[in-house]
Amino acid sequence: MFQFLRPDVIDFLTTSYELSQNEEVAEWRESVVTLQVEAPGASSRGTGFFINEDGLIATNRHVVAEAFQVVATLHDGTAFQAEPVFISDELDFAIIDIGEQTPVPYLPLAEEEPIMDVGTDIIVIGNPLSFTGIANEGEVLETGTPAVISAPTFSGNSGSPAINHEGEVVGIIYATRNQGDEGRVGLMVPINEVIDEVTMIEEGGVNE
């Protein structure tokens, strides 16, 4: 409980409430899911987001790689068991599938190069700590792999989308670190690094 009283936690909750009043941000939140992951000897919680209306979810490799069960809970509380369809060997990236026949809301992926520059404003939506659907804002501090962002990230944010102001995903959060004058920063996989894998899966290819 004491973690909820930390100034940085109070700040991100306040920011999230303010951002969530924005209709676009509220709409983007509907595409973000909570992942409850069961692995041998451990339970964990992470984030994912729909990348198409057929129920494909992007997240991190480290969130789901060792799991024997993954349950994805949607914004409306509906829960589905998810199965991995792609786990990257090189990047902290994975795709899982809930096999839903009813179209789901999804986030488009940025494809036009450059997908981001230093200073690009982004919104991160995820499930930090024990919270759900938290939105925060920041900017790109460094491009490359990994890309570095100023938006606050915490345990549970793994798999969160970083979204530009056009509503396109430019990266997937996978870690945080302390970085000099910038303090706590987020690290993300740039979406253009995984777009080929996404296209392959959408076209019916599987590479587990």
N, C-alpha and C. Protein backbone atom coordinates (compact mmCIF):
# COMPACT_ATOMS: atom_id res chain seq x y z
N MET A 1 0.82 -1.21 0.00
CA MET A 1 0.00 0.00 0.00
C MET A 1 0.85 1.25 0.00
N PHE A 2 2.03 1.18 0.68
CA PHE A 2 2.85 2.38 0.79
C PHE A 2 3.36 2.86 -0.57
N GLN A 3 3.50 1.92 -1.53
CA GLN A 3 3.97 2.34 -2.85
C GLN A 3 3.00 3.32 -3.49
N PHE A 4 1.70 3.24 -3.13
CA PHE A 4 0.71 4.12 -3.72
C PHE A 4 0.85 5.56 -3.22
N LEU A 5 1.59 5.75 -2.10
CA LEU A 5 1.75 7.08 -1.52
C LEU A 5 3.01 7.76 -2.00
N ARG A 6 3.81 7.07 -2.80
CA ARG A 6 5.03 7.67 -3.32
C ARG A 6 4.67 8.85 -4.23
N PRO A 7 5.44 9.94 -4.17
CA PRO A 7 5.13 11.10 -5.00
C PRO A 7 5.08 10.79 -6.49
N ASP A 8 5.99 9.92 -6.98
CA ASP A 8 5.98 9.62 -8.42
C ASP A 8 4.72 8.84 -8.81
N VAL A 9 4.23 7.99 -7.91
CA VAL A 9 3.00 7.25 -8.20
C VAL A 9 1.80 8.18 -8.20
N ILE A 10 1.74 9.08 -7.21
CA ILE A 10 0.65 10.06 -7.18
C ILE A 10 0.66 10.91 -8.44
N ASP A 11 1.86 11.28 -8.89
CA ASP A 11 1.98 12.10 -10.10
C ASP A 11 1.43 11.37 -11.32
N PHE A 12 1.81 10.08 -11.49
CA PHE A 12 1.35 9.41 -12.71
C PHE A 12 -0.14 9.10 -12.64
N LEU A 13 -0.69 8.91 -11.45
CA LEU A 13 -2.13 8.72 -11.35
C LEU A 13 -2.89 10.00 -11.69
N THR A 14 -2.36 11.12 -11.24
CA THR A 14 -2.98 12.41 -11.55
C THR A 14 -2.93 12.70 -13.04
N THR A 15 -1.75 12.46 -13.64
CA THR A 15 -1.60 12.67 -15.08
C THR A 15 -2.52 11.76 -15.87
N SER A 16 -2.61 10.50 -15.44
CA SER A 16 -3.47 9.54 -16.14
C SER A 16 -4.92 9.98 -16.11
N TYR A 17 -5.37 10.46 -14.96
CA TYR A 17 -6.77 10.92 -14.87
C TYR A 17 -7.01 12.06 -15.84
N GLU A 18 -6.08 12.99 -15.90
CA GLU A 18 -6.24 14.15 -16.80
C GLU A 18 -6.23 13.72 -18.25
N LEU A 19 -5.29 12.83 -18.61
CA LEU A 19 -5.21 12.38 -20.00
C LEU A 19 -6.44 11.58 -20.40
N SER A 20 -7.00 10.84 -19.46
CA SER A 20 -8.13 9.97 -19.78
C SER A 20 -9.41 10.75 -20.06
N GLN A 21 -9.40 12.04 -19.78
CA GLN A 21 -10.54 12.87 -20.14
C GLN A 21 -10.55 13.19 -21.63
N ASN A 22 -9.39 12.96 -22.27
CA ASN A 22 -9.28 13.18 -23.71
C ASN A 22 -9.96 12.02 -24.44
N GLU A 23 -10.85 12.31 -25.37
CA GLU A 23 -11.61 11.27 -26.05
C GLU A 23 -10.71 10.29 -26.82
N GLU A 24 -9.66 10.81 -27.45
CA GLU A 24 -8.76 9.93 -28.20
C GLU A 24 -8.04 8.97 -27.27
N VAL A 25 -7.52 9.48 -26.15
CA VAL A 25 -6.81 8.61 -25.21
C VAL A 25 -7.76 7.57 -24.64
N ALA A 26 -8.97 7.97 -24.32
CA ALA A 26 -9.97 7.03 -23.82
C ALA A 26 -10.24 5.93 -24.85
N GLU A 27 -10.27 6.31 -26.12
CA GLU A 27 -10.49 5.32 -27.18
C GLU A 27 -9.29 4.38 -27.31
N TRP A 28 -8.08 4.92 -27.22
CA TRP A 28 -6.88 4.09 -27.32
C TRP A 28 -6.82 3.08 -26.17
N ARG A 29 -7.27 3.46 -24.99
CA ARG A 29 -7.24 2.57 -23.83
C ARG A 29 -8.04 1.29 -24.08
N GLU A 30 -9.06 1.38 -24.92
CA GLU A 30 -9.90 0.21 -25.18
C GLU A 30 -9.16 -0.90 -25.91
N SER A 31 -8.03 -0.56 -26.53
CA SER A 31 -7.24 -1.55 -27.26
C SER A 31 -6.15 -2.19 -26.41
N VAL A 32 -6.00 -1.72 -25.17
CA VAL A 32 -4.94 -2.20 -24.30
C VAL A 32 -5.51 -3.24 -23.33
N VAL A 33 -4.79 -4.34 -23.13
CA VAL A 33 -5.27 -5.43 -22.28
C VAL A 33 -4.32 -5.67 -21.12
N THR A 34 -4.88 -6.29 -20.08
CA THR A 34 -4.08 -6.72 -18.93
C THR A 34 -3.77 -8.20 -19.09
N LEU A 35 -2.52 -8.57 -18.92
CA LEU A 35 -2.11 -9.97 -19.04
C LEU A 35 -1.78 -10.53 -17.65
N GLN A 36 -2.48 -11.57 -17.27
CA GLN A 36 -2.16 -12.31 -16.04
C GLN A 36 -1.45 -13.58 -16.48
N VAL A 37 -0.22 -13.72 -16.04
CA VAL A 37 0.66 -14.76 -16.56
C VAL A 37 1.03 -15.74 -15.45
N GLU A 38 0.82 -17.02 -15.75
CA GLU A 38 1.22 -18.08 -14.82
C GLU A 38 2.38 -18.86 -15.45
N ALA A 39 3.49 -18.90 -14.72
CA ALA A 39 4.68 -19.63 -15.17
C ALA A 39 5.12 -20.54 -14.03
N PRO A 40 5.96 -21.52 -14.30
CA PRO A 40 6.41 -22.41 -13.23
C PRO A 40 7.00 -21.64 -12.06
N GLY A 41 6.35 -21.72 -10.91
CA GLY A 41 6.85 -21.07 -9.70
C GLY A 41 6.61 -19.59 -9.61
N ALA A 42 5.86 -19.02 -10.53
CA ALA A 42 5.70 -17.57 -10.49
C ALA A 42 4.41 -17.13 -11.18
N SER A 43 3.84 -16.05 -10.66
CA SER A 43 2.72 -15.37 -11.30
C SER A 43 3.14 -13.93 -11.54
N SER A 44 2.73 -13.36 -12.65
CA SER A 44 3.10 -11.98 -12.95
C SER A 44 1.99 -11.30 -13.73
N ARG A 45 2.17 -10.02 -13.93
CA ARG A 45 1.15 -9.21 -14.58
C ARG A 45 1.85 -8.30 -15.58
N GLY A 46 1.27 -8.16 -16.74
CA GLY A 46 1.87 -7.30 -17.75
C GLY A 46 0.81 -6.66 -18.62
N THR A 47 1.27 -6.11 -19.72
CA THR A 47 0.41 -5.35 -20.63
C THR A 47 0.57 -5.89 -22.04
N GLY A 48 -0.47 -5.76 -22.83
CA GLY A 48 -0.43 -6.04 -24.25
C GLY A 48 -1.43 -5.13 -24.94
N PHE A 49 -1.44 -5.14 -26.26
CA PHE A 49 -2.41 -4.32 -26.99
C PHE A 49 -2.74 -5.00 -28.31
N PHE A 50 -4.00 -4.82 -28.72
CA PHE A 50 -4.45 -5.43 -29.97
C PHE A 50 -3.82 -4.71 -31.16
N ILE A 51 -3.35 -5.53 -32.13
CA ILE A 51 -2.75 -4.96 -33.33
C ILE A 51 -3.60 -5.21 -34.56
N ASN A 52 -4.67 -5.98 -34.40
CA ASN A 52 -5.66 -6.09 -35.47
C ASN A 52 -7.00 -6.49 -34.87
N GLU A 53 -8.04 -6.43 -35.67
CA GLU A 53 -9.38 -6.68 -35.14
C GLU A 53 -9.65 -8.15 -34.87
N ASP A 54 -8.73 -9.03 -35.29
CA ASP A 54 -8.92 -10.47 -35.11
C ASP A 54 -8.41 -11.00 -33.78
N GLY A 55 -7.87 -10.12 -32.94
CA GLY A 55 -7.47 -10.55 -31.60
C GLY A 55 -6.01 -10.85 -31.41
N LEU A 56 -5.14 -10.45 -32.34
CA LEU A 56 -3.70 -10.58 -32.13
C LEU A 56 -3.23 -9.49 -31.17
N ILE A 57 -2.42 -9.87 -30.21
CA ILE A 57 -1.94 -8.96 -29.17
C ILE A 57 -0.42 -8.91 -29.20
N ALA A 58 0.14 -7.72 -29.22
CA ALA A 58 1.58 -7.53 -29.10
C ALA A 58 1.94 -7.33 -27.64
N THR A 59 3.05 -7.92 -27.22
CA THR A 59 3.55 -7.75 -25.86
C THR A 59 5.05 -8.02 -25.88
N ASN A 60 5.63 -8.29 -24.71
CA ASN A 60 7.06 -8.60 -24.62
C ASN A 60 7.32 -10.09 -24.52
N ARG A 61 8.46 -10.50 -25.05
CA ARG A 61 8.88 -11.90 -24.91
C ARG A 61 8.99 -12.29 -23.45
N HIS A 62 9.61 -11.41 -22.63
CA HIS A 62 9.85 -11.80 -21.23
C HIS A 62 8.56 -11.91 -20.43
N VAL A 63 7.48 -11.35 -20.92
CA VAL A 63 6.19 -11.44 -20.22
C VAL A 63 5.59 -12.84 -20.39
N VAL A 64 5.73 -13.44 -21.58
CA VAL A 64 4.97 -14.66 -21.88
C VAL A 64 5.83 -15.88 -22.21
N ALA A 65 7.13 -15.72 -22.37
CA ALA A 65 7.95 -16.82 -22.92
C ALA A 65 7.90 -18.08 -22.08
N GLU A 66 7.85 -17.97 -20.76
CA GLU A 66 7.89 -19.15 -19.89
C GLU A 66 6.51 -19.55 -19.39
N ALA A 67 5.48 -18.91 -19.89
CA ALA A 67 4.14 -19.11 -19.34
C ALA A 67 3.50 -20.43 -19.78
N PHE A 68 2.76 -21.04 -18.86
CA PHE A 68 1.90 -22.15 -19.26
C PHE A 68 0.45 -21.71 -19.35
N GLN A 69 0.18 -20.47 -18.87
CA GLN A 69 -1.16 -19.91 -19.04
C GLN A 69 -1.07 -18.39 -19.08
N VAL A 70 -1.74 -17.80 -20.06
CA VAL A 70 -1.84 -16.34 -20.17
C VAL A 70 -3.32 -15.99 -20.33
N VAL A 71 -3.82 -15.14 -19.45
CA VAL A 71 -5.20 -14.67 -19.54
C VAL A 71 -5.17 -13.19 -19.86
N ALA A 72 -5.82 -12.81 -20.95
CA ALA A 72 -5.91 -11.42 -21.37
C ALA A 72 -7.28 -10.87 -20.97
N THR A 73 -7.26 -9.80 -20.17
CA THR A 73 -8.50 -9.15 -19.75
C THR A 73 -8.66 -7.83 -20.50
N LEU A 74 -9.79 -7.69 -21.18
CA LEU A 74 -10.05 -6.51 -21.99
C LEU A 74 -10.55 -5.36 -21.13
N HIS A 75 -10.69 -4.19 -21.75
CA HIS A 75 -11.09 -2.99 -21.02
C HIS A 75 -12.46 -3.13 -20.37
N ASP A 76 -13.32 -3.98 -20.95
CA ASP A 76 -14.66 -4.15 -20.40
C ASP A 76 -14.75 -5.28 -19.38
N GLY A 77 -13.60 -5.88 -19.02
CA GLY A 77 -13.58 -6.93 -18.03
C GLY A 77 -13.68 -8.33 -18.60
N THR A 78 -13.95 -8.46 -19.89
CA THR A 78 -14.01 -9.77 -20.53
C THR A 78 -12.61 -10.40 -20.55
N ALA A 79 -12.53 -11.68 -20.22
CA ALA A 79 -11.23 -12.36 -20.14
C ALA A 79 -11.17 -13.52 -21.13
N PHE A 80 -10.01 -13.69 -21.75
CA PHE A 80 -9.79 -14.76 -22.71
C PHE A 80 -8.44 -15.42 -22.42
N GLN A 81 -8.37 -16.71 -22.63
CA GLN A 81 -7.07 -17.38 -22.60
C GLN A 81 -6.37 -17.08 -23.92
N ALA A 82 -5.09 -16.71 -23.81
CA ALA A 82 -4.32 -16.35 -25.00
C ALA A 82 -3.22 -17.37 -25.23
N GLU A 83 -2.92 -17.59 -26.50
CA GLU A 83 -1.88 -18.54 -26.88
C GLU A 83 -0.79 -17.82 -27.68
N PRO A 84 0.47 -18.15 -27.43
CA PRO A 84 1.54 -17.51 -28.20
C PRO A 84 1.55 -17.99 -29.64
N VAL A 85 1.74 -17.07 -30.58
CA VAL A 85 1.88 -17.45 -31.98
C VAL A 85 3.25 -17.03 -32.54
N PHE A 86 3.93 -16.12 -31.83
CA PHE A 86 5.28 -15.73 -32.26
C PHE A 86 6.03 -15.20 -31.05
N ILE A 87 7.26 -15.70 -30.84
CA ILE A 87 8.15 -15.19 -29.81
C ILE A 87 9.50 -14.91 -30.47
N SER A 88 9.93 -13.67 -30.45
CA SER A 88 11.17 -13.28 -31.12
C SER A 88 12.39 -13.84 -30.40
N ASP A 89 13.37 -14.27 -31.18
CA ASP A 89 14.64 -14.72 -30.63
C ASP A 89 15.59 -13.56 -30.37
N GLU A 90 15.35 -12.43 -31.02
CA GLU A 90 16.31 -11.33 -31.00
C GLU A 90 15.85 -10.13 -30.21
N LEU A 91 14.55 -9.87 -30.19
CA LEU A 91 14.02 -8.69 -29.52
C LEU A 91 13.04 -9.10 -28.44
N ASP A 92 12.80 -8.22 -27.50
CA ASP A 92 11.84 -8.50 -26.42
C ASP A 92 10.44 -8.23 -26.94
N PHE A 93 9.98 -9.15 -27.78
CA PHE A 93 8.73 -8.97 -28.50
C PHE A 93 8.05 -10.31 -28.71
N ALA A 94 6.74 -10.32 -28.55
CA ALA A 94 5.96 -11.53 -28.79
C ALA A 94 4.56 -11.15 -29.26
N ILE A 95 3.92 -12.09 -29.95
CA ILE A 95 2.53 -11.93 -30.34
C ILE A 95 1.75 -13.11 -29.78
N ILE A 96 0.63 -12.81 -29.14
CA ILE A 96 -0.26 -13.84 -28.64
C ILE A 96 -1.64 -13.63 -29.27
N ASP A 97 -2.50 -14.64 -29.16
CA ASP A 97 -3.79 -14.60 -29.87
C ASP A 97 -4.90 -15.08 -28.95
N ILE A 98 -6.00 -14.31 -28.88
CA ILE A 98 -7.14 -14.75 -28.07
C ILE A 98 -8.16 -15.50 -28.92
N GLY A 99 -7.94 -15.53 -30.25
CA GLY A 99 -8.84 -16.28 -31.12
C GLY A 99 -10.26 -15.78 -31.11
N GLU A 100 -10.44 -14.48 -30.91
CA GLU A 100 -11.79 -13.92 -30.84
C GLU A 100 -12.38 -13.73 -32.22
N GLN A 101 -13.63 -14.16 -32.40
CA GLN A 101 -14.30 -14.03 -33.69
C GLN A 101 -14.98 -12.68 -33.86
N THR A 102 -15.31 -12.03 -32.74
CA THR A 102 -15.92 -10.70 -32.81
C THR A 102 -14.81 -9.66 -32.93
N PRO A 103 -14.91 -8.71 -33.86
CA PRO A 103 -13.85 -7.71 -34.01
C PRO A 103 -13.58 -6.95 -32.71
N VAL A 104 -12.31 -6.72 -32.43
CA VAL A 104 -11.91 -5.99 -31.24
C VAL A 104 -11.27 -4.66 -31.67
N PRO A 105 -11.29 -3.65 -30.79
CA PRO A 105 -10.61 -2.40 -31.12
C PRO A 105 -9.10 -2.61 -31.11
N TYR A 106 -8.40 -1.98 -32.04
CA TYR A 106 -6.95 -2.19 -32.11
C TYR A 106 -6.24 -0.88 -32.42
N LEU A 107 -4.93 -0.90 -32.20
CA LEU A 107 -4.10 0.28 -32.46
C LEU A 107 -3.29 0.06 -33.74
N PRO A 108 -3.35 1.01 -34.68
CA PRO A 108 -2.52 0.89 -35.89
C PRO A 108 -1.05 1.09 -35.55
N LEU A 109 -0.19 0.47 -36.33
CA LEU A 109 1.25 0.59 -36.13
C LEU A 109 1.82 1.63 -37.09
N ALA A 110 2.72 2.46 -36.58
CA ALA A 110 3.36 3.47 -37.42
C ALA A 110 4.25 2.78 -38.45
N GLU A 111 4.10 3.17 -39.70
CA GLU A 111 4.88 2.55 -40.77
C GLU A 111 5.71 3.56 -41.57
N GLU A 112 5.26 4.80 -41.61
CA GLU A 112 5.97 5.81 -42.41
C GLU A 112 7.26 6.21 -41.71
N GLU A 113 8.38 6.08 -42.41
CA GLU A 113 9.69 6.42 -41.85
C GLU A 113 9.96 7.93 -41.97
N PRO A 114 10.62 8.53 -40.96
CA PRO A 114 10.97 7.89 -39.69
C PRO A 114 9.74 7.78 -38.80
N ILE A 115 9.62 6.68 -38.06
CA ILE A 115 8.44 6.51 -37.23
C ILE A 115 8.46 7.44 -36.03
N MET A 116 9.67 7.93 -35.68
CA MET A 116 9.78 8.88 -34.57
C MET A 116 11.12 9.57 -34.65
N ASP A 117 11.19 10.73 -34.01
CA ASP A 117 12.41 11.50 -33.90
C ASP A 117 12.62 11.85 -32.44
N VAL A 118 13.82 12.30 -32.11
CA VAL A 118 14.04 12.84 -30.77
C VAL A 118 13.08 14.02 -30.58
N GLY A 119 12.34 13.98 -29.48
CA GLY A 119 11.36 15.03 -29.21
C GLY A 119 9.94 14.67 -29.59
N THR A 120 9.74 13.54 -30.28
CA THR A 120 8.39 13.10 -30.61
C THR A 120 7.60 12.87 -29.33
N ASP A 121 6.42 13.49 -29.24
CA ASP A 121 5.56 13.31 -28.07
C ASP A 121 4.85 11.97 -28.16
N ILE A 122 4.77 11.29 -27.01
CA ILE A 122 4.11 9.98 -26.99
C ILE A 122 3.22 9.86 -25.75
N ILE A 123 2.23 8.97 -25.88
CA ILE A 123 1.38 8.57 -24.76
C ILE A 123 1.63 7.08 -24.53
N VAL A 124 1.87 6.70 -23.29
CA VAL A 124 2.05 5.29 -22.92
C VAL A 124 0.84 4.85 -22.11
N ILE A 125 0.24 3.73 -22.50
CA ILE A 125 -0.92 3.19 -21.77
C ILE A 125 -0.59 1.77 -21.33
N GLY A 126 -0.74 1.51 -20.03
CA GLY A 126 -0.42 0.18 -19.53
C GLY A 126 -0.96 -0.06 -18.14
N ASN A 127 -0.37 -1.07 -17.49
CA ASN A 127 -0.88 -1.55 -16.20
C ASN A 127 0.22 -1.56 -15.15
N PRO A 128 0.76 -0.39 -14.80
CA PRO A 128 1.87 -0.36 -13.85
C PRO A 128 1.42 -0.72 -12.43
N LEU A 129 2.36 -1.35 -11.69
CA LEU A 129 2.09 -1.74 -10.31
C LEU A 129 0.81 -2.57 -10.28
N SER A 130 -0.19 -2.18 -9.52
CA SER A 130 -1.44 -2.95 -9.50
C SER A 130 -2.57 -2.19 -10.17
N PHE A 131 -2.23 -1.16 -10.92
CA PHE A 131 -3.24 -0.34 -11.59
C PHE A 131 -3.52 -0.87 -13.00
N THR A 132 -4.63 -0.41 -13.57
CA THR A 132 -5.04 -0.87 -14.89
C THR A 132 -5.39 0.32 -15.78
N GLY A 133 -4.92 0.27 -17.02
CA GLY A 133 -5.29 1.29 -18.00
C GLY A 133 -4.76 2.68 -17.68
N ILE A 134 -3.53 2.74 -17.15
CA ILE A 134 -2.94 4.02 -16.78
C ILE A 134 -2.27 4.65 -18.01
N ALA A 135 -2.60 5.91 -18.27
CA ALA A 135 -2.02 6.66 -19.39
C ALA A 135 -1.01 7.67 -18.86
N ASN A 136 0.13 7.75 -19.51
CA ASN A 136 1.11 8.77 -19.16
C ASN A 136 1.74 9.33 -20.42
N GLU A 137 2.36 10.47 -20.28
CA GLU A 137 2.91 11.16 -21.44
C GLU A 137 4.39 11.41 -21.27
N GLY A 138 5.06 11.57 -22.39
CA GLY A 138 6.48 11.86 -22.38
C GLY A 138 6.94 12.15 -23.79
N GLU A 139 8.23 12.01 -24.01
CA GLU A 139 8.77 12.24 -25.35
C GLU A 139 9.93 11.29 -25.59
N VAL A 140 10.26 11.14 -26.86
CA VAL A 140 11.39 10.30 -27.24
C VAL A 140 12.68 11.05 -26.94
N LEU A 141 13.55 10.43 -26.14
CA LEU A 141 14.84 11.02 -25.80
C LEU A 141 15.95 10.53 -26.73
N GLU A 142 15.86 9.25 -27.14
CA GLU A 142 16.84 8.67 -28.05
C GLU A 142 16.11 7.70 -28.98
N THR A 143 16.47 7.74 -30.25
CA THR A 143 15.96 6.74 -31.19
C THR A 143 16.97 5.59 -31.26
N GLY A 144 16.69 4.61 -32.08
CA GLY A 144 17.56 3.43 -32.16
C GLY A 144 16.92 2.27 -31.44
N THR A 145 17.71 1.22 -31.20
CA THR A 145 17.22 0.03 -30.51
C THR A 145 18.14 -0.26 -29.33
N PRO A 146 17.68 0.01 -28.08
CA PRO A 146 16.32 0.43 -27.77
C PRO A 146 16.14 1.93 -27.97
N ALA A 147 14.89 2.34 -28.14
CA ALA A 147 14.54 3.74 -28.07
C ALA A 147 14.31 4.10 -26.60
N VAL A 148 14.62 5.33 -26.24
CA VAL A 148 14.50 5.78 -24.85
C VAL A 148 13.46 6.88 -24.77
N ILE A 149 12.57 6.76 -23.77
CA ILE A 149 11.49 7.75 -23.62
C ILE A 149 11.48 8.29 -22.19
N SER A 150 10.90 9.47 -22.05
CA SER A 150 10.86 10.11 -20.74
C SER A 150 9.64 9.73 -19.93
N ALA A 151 8.65 9.08 -20.55
CA ALA A 151 7.43 8.72 -19.82
C ALA A 151 7.76 7.76 -18.68
N PRO A 152 7.18 7.97 -17.49
CA PRO A 152 7.46 7.08 -16.37
C PRO A 152 6.95 5.67 -16.63
N THR A 153 7.78 4.68 -16.34
CA THR A 153 7.39 3.27 -16.52
C THR A 153 7.73 2.50 -15.26
N PHE A 154 6.90 1.52 -14.95
CA PHE A 154 7.05 0.74 -13.72
C PHE A 154 6.78 -0.73 -14.02
N SER A 155 6.96 -1.57 -13.00
CA SER A 155 6.61 -2.97 -13.12
C SER A 155 5.15 -3.09 -13.56
N GLY A 156 4.90 -3.91 -14.57
CA GLY A 156 3.55 -4.03 -15.12
C GLY A 156 3.38 -3.28 -16.42
N ASN A 157 4.30 -2.33 -16.69
CA ASN A 157 4.24 -1.59 -17.95
C ASN A 157 4.83 -2.38 -19.12
N SER A 158 5.48 -3.48 -18.84
CA SER A 158 6.06 -4.28 -19.93
C SER A 158 4.97 -4.67 -20.92
N GLY A 159 5.21 -4.37 -22.20
CA GLY A 159 4.23 -4.64 -23.24
C GLY A 159 3.33 -3.47 -23.56
N SER A 160 3.52 -2.34 -22.88
CA SER A 160 2.68 -1.17 -23.13
C SER A 160 3.02 -0.52 -24.47
N PRO A 161 2.00 -0.04 -25.19
CA PRO A 161 2.27 0.70 -26.42
C PRO A 161 2.66 2.14 -26.13
N ALA A 162 3.60 2.64 -26.90
CA ALA A 162 3.91 4.08 -26.93
C ALA A 162 3.27 4.63 -28.20
N ILE A 163 2.36 5.58 -28.04
CA ILE A 163 1.47 6.01 -29.13
C ILE A 163 1.76 7.47 -29.46
N ASN A 164 1.90 7.76 -30.76
CA ASN A 164 2.09 9.16 -31.16
C ASN A 164 0.75 9.88 -31.23
N HIS A 165 0.78 11.15 -31.55
CA HIS A 165 -0.46 11.94 -31.52
C HIS A 165 -1.38 11.64 -32.69
N GLU A 166 -0.93 10.80 -33.63
CA GLU A 166 -1.81 10.34 -34.70
C GLU A 166 -2.51 9.04 -34.32
N GLY A 167 -2.22 8.56 -33.10
CA GLY A 167 -2.85 7.32 -32.65
C GLY A 167 -2.15 6.07 -33.14
N GLU A 168 -0.90 6.20 -33.59
CA GLU A 168 -0.13 5.06 -34.10
C GLU A 168 0.91 4.62 -33.07
N VAL A 169 1.09 3.32 -32.95
CA VAL A 169 2.10 2.79 -32.04
C VAL A 169 3.48 2.93 -32.67
N VAL A 170 4.40 3.56 -31.93
CA VAL A 170 5.77 3.71 -32.42
C VAL A 170 6.75 2.81 -31.69
N GLY A 171 6.32 2.22 -30.57
CA GLY A 171 7.22 1.34 -29.84
C GLY A 171 6.48 0.57 -28.75
N ILE A 172 7.18 -0.44 -28.21
CA ILE A 172 6.63 -1.31 -27.16
C ILE A 172 7.56 -1.26 -25.96
N ILE A 173 7.05 -0.80 -24.82
CA ILE A 173 7.86 -0.68 -23.61
C ILE A 173 8.29 -2.06 -23.12
N TYR A 174 9.57 -2.19 -22.71
CA TYR A 174 10.00 -3.47 -22.16
C TYR A 174 10.84 -3.35 -20.90
N ALA A 175 11.33 -2.16 -20.55
CA ALA A 175 12.18 -2.03 -19.36
C ALA A 175 12.27 -0.57 -18.95
N THR A 176 12.89 -0.36 -17.80
CA THR A 176 13.16 0.99 -17.32
C THR A 176 14.59 1.02 -16.78
N ARG A 177 15.17 2.20 -16.74
CA ARG A 177 16.50 2.34 -16.14
C ARG A 177 16.69 3.78 -15.69
N ASN A 178 17.65 3.98 -14.82
CA ASN A 178 18.02 5.34 -14.42
C ASN A 178 19.11 5.83 -15.36
N GLN A 179 18.92 7.05 -15.86
CA GLN A 179 19.82 7.56 -16.89
C GLN A 179 20.19 9.01 -16.60
N GLY A 180 21.24 9.18 -15.82
CA GLY A 180 21.82 10.49 -15.60
C GLY A 180 20.83 11.57 -15.25
N ASP A 181 20.93 12.70 -15.95
CA ASP A 181 20.07 13.85 -15.67
C ASP A 181 18.61 13.59 -15.96
N GLU A 182 18.33 12.63 -16.86
CA GLU A 182 16.93 12.34 -17.19
C GLU A 182 16.22 11.56 -16.10
N GLY A 183 16.99 10.95 -15.19
CA GLY A 183 16.38 10.16 -14.13
C GLY A 183 15.84 8.84 -14.67
N ARG A 184 14.65 8.45 -14.21
CA ARG A 184 14.05 7.18 -14.62
C ARG A 184 13.48 7.31 -16.02
N VAL A 185 13.91 6.45 -16.93
CA VAL A 185 13.44 6.50 -18.31
C VAL A 185 12.91 5.12 -18.71
N GLY A 186 12.13 5.09 -19.76
CA GLY A 186 11.62 3.84 -20.30
C GLY A 186 12.38 3.43 -21.54
N LEU A 187 12.51 2.13 -21.74
CA LEU A 187 13.15 1.58 -22.94
C LEU A 187 12.08 0.88 -23.76
N MET A 188 12.16 1.00 -25.07
CA MET A 188 11.15 0.35 -25.90
C MET A 188 11.74 -0.19 -27.19
N VAL A 189 11.09 -1.23 -27.69
CA VAL A 189 11.40 -1.78 -28.99
C VAL A 189 10.70 -0.92 -30.04
N PRO A 190 11.44 -0.30 -30.97
CA PRO A 190 10.78 0.48 -32.03
C PRO A 190 9.90 -0.42 -32.88
N ILE A 191 8.74 0.05 -33.23
CA ILE A 191 7.78 -0.81 -33.92
C ILE A 191 8.27 -1.20 -35.31
N ASN A 192 9.11 -0.37 -35.93
CA ASN A 192 9.60 -0.73 -37.26
C ASN A 192 10.56 -1.92 -37.23
N GLU A 193 11.06 -2.27 -36.04
CA GLU A 193 11.93 -3.44 -35.90
C GLU A 193 11.15 -4.74 -35.95
N VAL A 194 9.83 -4.67 -35.75
CA VAL A 194 9.04 -5.92 -35.68
C VAL A 194 7.91 -5.94 -36.70
N ILE A 195 7.83 -4.93 -37.56
CA ILE A 195 6.70 -4.84 -38.49
C ILE A 195 6.67 -6.02 -39.45
N ASP A 196 7.84 -6.54 -39.85
CA ASP A 196 7.86 -7.70 -40.76
C ASP A 196 7.25 -8.93 -40.09
N GLU A 197 7.56 -9.13 -38.81
CA GLU A 197 6.99 -10.27 -38.09
C GLU A 197 5.47 -10.13 -37.95
N VAL A 198 5.01 -8.92 -37.69
CA VAL A 198 3.57 -8.69 -37.58
C VAL A 198 2.89 -9.02 -38.91
N THR A 199 3.47 -8.55 -39.99
CA THR A 199 2.90 -8.82 -41.32
C THR A 199 2.87 -10.31 -41.60
N MET A 200 3.94 -11.03 -41.23
CA MET A 200 4.01 -12.46 -41.45
C MET A 200 2.87 -13.18 -40.71
N ILE A 201 2.66 -12.83 -39.46
CA ILE A 201 1.62 -13.47 -38.67
C ILE A 201 0.24 -13.15 -39.24
N GLU A 202 0.03 -11.91 -39.63
CA GLU A 202 -1.28 -11.53 -40.18
C GLU A 202 -1.57 -12.24 -41.48
N GLU A 203 -0.53 -12.59 -42.21
CA GLU A 203 -0.71 -13.28 -43.47
C GLU A 203 -0.76 -14.80 -43.31
N GLY A 204 -0.71 -15.26 -42.05
CA GLY A 204 -0.89 -16.69 -41.79
C GLY A 204 0.37 -17.44 -41.49
N GLY A 205 1.51 -16.77 -41.44
CA GLY A 205 2.75 -17.47 -41.11
C GLY A 205 2.92 -17.60 -39.60
N VAL A 206 3.57 -18.65 -39.16
CA VAL A 206 3.83 -18.87 -37.74
C VAL A 206 5.28 -19.26 -37.59
N ASN A 207 5.95 -18.61 -36.62
CA ASN A 207 7.36 -18.91 -36.36
C ASN A 207 7.57 -18.94 -34.87
N GLU A 208 7.25 -20.01 -34.22
CA GLU A 208 7.34 -20.09 -32.77
C GLU A 208 8.75 -20.49 -32.35
